[in-house]
Amino acid sequence: MNDFNTDLHRAVAEVCQRHELGMLSRLVLCAEVVEEDGTLALLLSSSPRDMPAWDRQGMLRYAMADLDADVLATRVAGDEEGFG
């Protein structure tokens, strides 16, 4: 799993740099994946690999707060089609 985290960090860092989004320092990835047998699974990974659980949780909560703010702004604006 260490190689996976390293590869993931490098790939996301490259995309961030290419789009001038700044330097990537930490990463938490949450993705739904389809297993070979068709079942759904949750992939949760972080980089650096030894990031404490409380730190991962804090980053995920920060992301959820940002998403909640987008949803609220969308509802207040009356735009139910999607977020800006």
N, C-alpha and C. Protein backbone atom coordinates (compact mmCIF):
# COMPACT_ATOMS: atom_id res chain seq x y z
N MET A 1 0.82 -1.19 0.00
CA MET A 1 0.00 0.00 0.00
C MET A 1 0.86 1.26 0.00
N ASN A 2 2.09 1.16 0.47
CA ASN A 2 2.97 2.31 0.50
C ASN A 2 3.24 2.83 -0.90
N ASP A 3 3.48 1.93 -1.87
CA ASP A 3 3.70 2.35 -3.26
C ASP A 3 2.47 3.03 -3.82
N PHE A 4 1.29 2.52 -3.49
CA PHE A 4 0.05 3.13 -3.94
C PHE A 4 -0.05 4.57 -3.44
N ASN A 5 0.19 4.78 -2.16
CA ASN A 5 0.10 6.14 -1.60
C ASN A 5 1.12 7.07 -2.23
N THR A 6 2.33 6.58 -2.44
CA THR A 6 3.37 7.40 -3.07
C THR A 6 2.98 7.77 -4.49
N ASP A 7 2.51 6.80 -5.26
CA ASP A 7 2.08 7.06 -6.64
C ASP A 7 0.91 8.03 -6.68
N LEU A 8 -0.04 7.85 -5.77
CA LEU A 8 -1.20 8.72 -5.71
C LEU A 8 -0.80 10.15 -5.39
N HIS A 9 0.06 10.31 -4.40
CA HIS A 9 0.53 11.64 -4.02
C HIS A 9 1.24 12.33 -5.19
N ARG A 10 2.11 11.61 -5.86
CA ARG A 10 2.84 12.18 -7.01
C ARG A 10 1.89 12.59 -8.13
N ALA A 11 0.91 11.73 -8.42
CA ALA A 11 -0.02 12.02 -9.50
C ALA A 11 -0.86 13.26 -9.20
N VAL A 12 -1.39 13.34 -7.98
CA VAL A 12 -2.21 14.50 -7.62
C VAL A 12 -1.36 15.76 -7.55
N ALA A 13 -0.15 15.66 -7.02
CA ALA A 13 0.74 16.81 -6.96
C ALA A 13 1.05 17.34 -8.36
N GLU A 14 1.25 16.43 -9.31
CA GLU A 14 1.52 16.84 -10.69
C GLU A 14 0.32 17.57 -11.29
N VAL A 15 -0.88 17.07 -11.05
CA VAL A 15 -2.09 17.72 -11.57
C VAL A 15 -2.25 19.10 -10.92
N CYS A 16 -2.02 19.20 -9.62
CA CYS A 16 -2.11 20.50 -8.94
C CYS A 16 -1.13 21.51 -9.54
N GLN A 17 0.09 21.09 -9.76
CA GLN A 17 1.10 21.98 -10.32
C GLN A 17 0.74 22.39 -11.74
N ARG A 18 0.25 21.45 -12.54
CA ARG A 18 -0.10 21.74 -13.91
C ARG A 18 -1.21 22.79 -13.99
N HIS A 19 -2.11 22.78 -13.02
CA HIS A 19 -3.23 23.72 -13.01
C HIS A 19 -3.01 24.89 -12.06
N GLU A 20 -1.76 25.06 -11.63
CA GLU A 20 -1.34 26.18 -10.78
C GLU A 20 -2.19 26.30 -9.52
N LEU A 21 -2.41 25.15 -8.86
CA LEU A 21 -3.20 25.13 -7.63
C LEU A 21 -2.34 25.11 -6.37
N GLY A 22 -1.06 25.27 -6.53
CA GLY A 22 -0.17 25.28 -5.37
C GLY A 22 0.47 23.92 -5.14
N MET A 23 1.24 23.87 -4.05
CA MET A 23 2.00 22.66 -3.73
C MET A 23 1.15 21.75 -2.84
N LEU A 24 1.09 20.49 -3.16
CA LEU A 24 0.34 19.51 -2.38
C LEU A 24 1.17 19.09 -1.18
N SER A 25 0.61 19.24 0.01
CA SER A 25 1.34 18.81 1.20
C SER A 25 0.76 17.53 1.79
N ARG A 26 -0.57 17.45 1.86
CA ARG A 26 -1.22 16.27 2.40
C ARG A 26 -2.42 15.93 1.52
N LEU A 27 -2.84 14.68 1.58
CA LEU A 27 -3.92 14.22 0.71
C LEU A 27 -4.74 13.17 1.43
N VAL A 28 -6.06 13.31 1.37
CA VAL A 28 -6.97 12.26 1.81
C VAL A 28 -7.88 11.96 0.63
N LEU A 29 -7.92 10.70 0.23
CA LEU A 29 -8.73 10.29 -0.90
C LEU A 29 -9.84 9.36 -0.40
N CYS A 30 -11.05 9.66 -0.79
CA CYS A 30 -12.19 8.80 -0.50
C CYS A 30 -12.87 8.55 -1.84
N ALA A 31 -12.93 7.30 -2.25
CA ALA A 31 -13.50 6.97 -3.56
C ALA A 31 -14.29 5.68 -3.49
N GLU A 32 -15.38 5.65 -4.24
CA GLU A 32 -16.15 4.42 -4.37
C GLU A 32 -15.59 3.67 -5.57
N VAL A 33 -15.25 2.41 -5.37
CA VAL A 33 -14.69 1.60 -6.45
C VAL A 33 -15.57 0.37 -6.66
N VAL A 34 -15.51 -0.15 -7.86
CA VAL A 34 -16.24 -1.37 -8.20
C VAL A 34 -15.24 -2.52 -8.21
N GLU A 35 -15.50 -3.49 -7.35
CA GLU A 35 -14.64 -4.67 -7.28
C GLU A 35 -14.81 -5.50 -8.56
N GLU A 36 -13.90 -6.45 -8.79
CA GLU A 36 -13.97 -7.30 -9.98
C GLU A 36 -15.27 -8.11 -10.05
N ASP A 37 -15.83 -8.43 -8.87
CA ASP A 37 -17.08 -9.20 -8.86
C ASP A 37 -18.32 -8.31 -8.95
N GLY A 38 -18.13 -7.00 -9.11
CA GLY A 38 -19.24 -6.07 -9.28
C GLY A 38 -19.72 -5.41 -8.00
N THR A 39 -19.20 -5.80 -6.85
CA THR A 39 -19.61 -5.18 -5.60
C THR A 39 -18.92 -3.83 -5.43
N LEU A 40 -19.59 -2.95 -4.71
CA LEU A 40 -19.02 -1.64 -4.45
C LEU A 40 -18.18 -1.67 -3.18
N ALA A 41 -17.11 -0.93 -3.18
CA ALA A 41 -16.23 -0.85 -2.01
C ALA A 41 -15.79 0.61 -1.84
N LEU A 42 -15.38 0.94 -0.64
CA LEU A 42 -14.90 2.28 -0.34
C LEU A 42 -13.39 2.25 -0.23
N LEU A 43 -12.73 3.08 -1.00
CA LEU A 43 -11.27 3.21 -0.93
C LEU A 43 -10.97 4.48 -0.16
N LEU A 44 -10.27 4.34 0.94
CA LEU A 44 -9.88 5.48 1.75
C LEU A 44 -8.38 5.42 1.95
N SER A 45 -7.69 6.43 1.49
CA SER A 45 -6.23 6.43 1.55
C SER A 45 -5.76 7.83 1.90
N SER A 46 -4.58 7.93 2.45
CA SER A 46 -4.02 9.23 2.78
C SER A 46 -2.53 9.25 2.45
N SER A 47 -2.04 10.45 2.27
CA SER A 47 -0.61 10.64 2.02
C SER A 47 -0.19 11.89 2.78
N PRO A 48 0.78 11.82 3.63
CA PRO A 48 1.69 10.70 3.84
C PRO A 48 0.98 9.52 4.50
N ARG A 49 1.56 8.38 4.30
CA ARG A 49 0.94 7.12 4.75
C ARG A 49 0.74 7.08 6.26
N ASP A 50 1.64 7.71 7.00
CA ASP A 50 1.57 7.66 8.46
C ASP A 50 0.77 8.82 9.06
N MET A 51 -0.09 9.46 8.26
CA MET A 51 -0.92 10.55 8.78
C MET A 51 -1.81 10.00 9.89
N PRO A 52 -1.83 10.65 11.04
CA PRO A 52 -2.67 10.16 12.15
C PRO A 52 -4.15 10.16 11.77
N ALA A 53 -4.90 9.23 12.37
CA ALA A 53 -6.33 9.11 12.08
C ALA A 53 -7.07 10.40 12.40
N TRP A 54 -6.70 11.08 13.49
CA TRP A 54 -7.40 12.32 13.85
C TRP A 54 -7.17 13.39 12.79
N ASP A 55 -6.00 13.39 12.15
CA ASP A 55 -5.68 14.37 11.12
C ASP A 55 -6.49 14.08 9.85
N ARG A 56 -6.60 12.80 9.48
CA ARG A 56 -7.43 12.41 8.33
C ARG A 56 -8.88 12.81 8.57
N GLN A 57 -9.36 12.55 9.78
CA GLN A 57 -10.74 12.89 10.11
C GLN A 57 -10.95 14.40 10.03
N GLY A 58 -10.01 15.18 10.50
CA GLY A 58 -10.12 16.63 10.43
C GLY A 58 -10.18 17.13 9.00
N MET A 59 -9.36 16.56 8.12
CA MET A 59 -9.38 16.97 6.72
C MET A 59 -10.71 16.61 6.06
N LEU A 60 -11.25 15.43 6.37
CA LEU A 60 -12.53 15.03 5.81
C LEU A 60 -13.66 15.92 6.33
N ARG A 61 -13.62 16.29 7.60
CA ARG A 61 -14.64 17.19 8.15
C ARG A 61 -14.55 18.58 7.51
N TYR A 62 -13.34 19.04 7.28
CA TYR A 62 -13.15 20.33 6.62
C TYR A 62 -13.74 20.30 5.21
N ALA A 63 -13.51 19.20 4.50
CA ALA A 63 -14.07 19.05 3.15
C ALA A 63 -15.59 19.02 3.20
N MET A 64 -16.16 18.32 4.17
CA MET A 64 -17.62 18.25 4.29
C MET A 64 -18.20 19.62 4.62
N ALA A 65 -17.54 20.40 5.46
CA ALA A 65 -18.03 21.73 5.79
C ALA A 65 -18.04 22.61 4.54
N ASP A 66 -17.01 22.48 3.71
CA ASP A 66 -16.94 23.25 2.47
C ASP A 66 -18.06 22.83 1.52
N LEU A 67 -18.29 21.54 1.41
CA LEU A 67 -19.36 21.03 0.56
C LEU A 67 -20.73 21.46 1.07
N ASP A 68 -20.92 21.38 2.39
CA ASP A 68 -22.18 21.84 2.98
C ASP A 68 -22.45 23.30 2.67
N ALA A 69 -21.41 24.13 2.71
CA ALA A 69 -21.57 25.55 2.39
C ALA A 69 -21.99 25.74 0.94
N ASP A 70 -21.42 24.95 0.02
CA ASP A 70 -21.81 25.02 -1.39
C ASP A 70 -23.27 24.62 -1.58
N VAL A 71 -23.69 23.56 -0.90
CA VAL A 71 -25.08 23.10 -1.01
C VAL A 71 -26.03 24.17 -0.49
N LEU A 72 -25.71 24.75 0.65
CA LEU A 72 -26.55 25.80 1.22
C LEU A 72 -26.64 27.00 0.29
N ALA A 73 -25.51 27.43 -0.25
CA ALA A 73 -25.51 28.58 -1.16
C ALA A 73 -26.34 28.28 -2.41
N THR A 74 -26.28 27.07 -2.89
CA THR A 74 -27.06 26.67 -4.06
C THR A 74 -28.55 26.73 -3.76
N ARG A 75 -28.93 26.24 -2.59
CA ARG A 75 -30.35 26.26 -2.21
C ARG A 75 -30.85 27.67 -1.99
N VAL A 76 -30.04 28.51 -1.37
CA VAL A 76 -30.44 29.90 -1.14
C VAL A 76 -30.61 30.62 -2.46
N ALA A 77 -29.75 30.32 -3.43
CA ALA A 77 -29.84 30.97 -4.74
C ALA A 77 -30.98 30.38 -5.59
N GLY A 78 -31.55 29.28 -5.14
CA GLY A 78 -32.65 28.65 -5.88
C GLY A 78 -32.19 27.86 -7.08
N ASP A 79 -30.91 27.52 -7.15
CA ASP A 79 -30.36 26.78 -8.27
C ASP A 79 -30.22 25.32 -7.87
N GLU A 80 -31.22 24.53 -8.16
CA GLU A 80 -31.20 23.12 -7.78
C GLU A 80 -30.49 22.25 -8.83
N GLU A 81 -30.04 22.83 -9.93
CA GLU A 81 -29.39 22.06 -11.00
C GLU A 81 -28.02 21.57 -10.59
N GLY A 82 -27.33 22.29 -9.77
CA GLY A 82 -25.99 21.89 -9.38
C GLY A 82 -25.27 23.05 -8.74
N PHE A 83 -24.04 22.82 -8.40
CA PHE A 83 -23.26 23.87 -7.71
C PHE A 83 -22.46 24.63 -8.76
N GLY A 84 -22.08 25.84 -8.35
CA GLY A 84 -21.26 26.71 -9.19
C GLY A 84 -19.89 26.25 -9.22
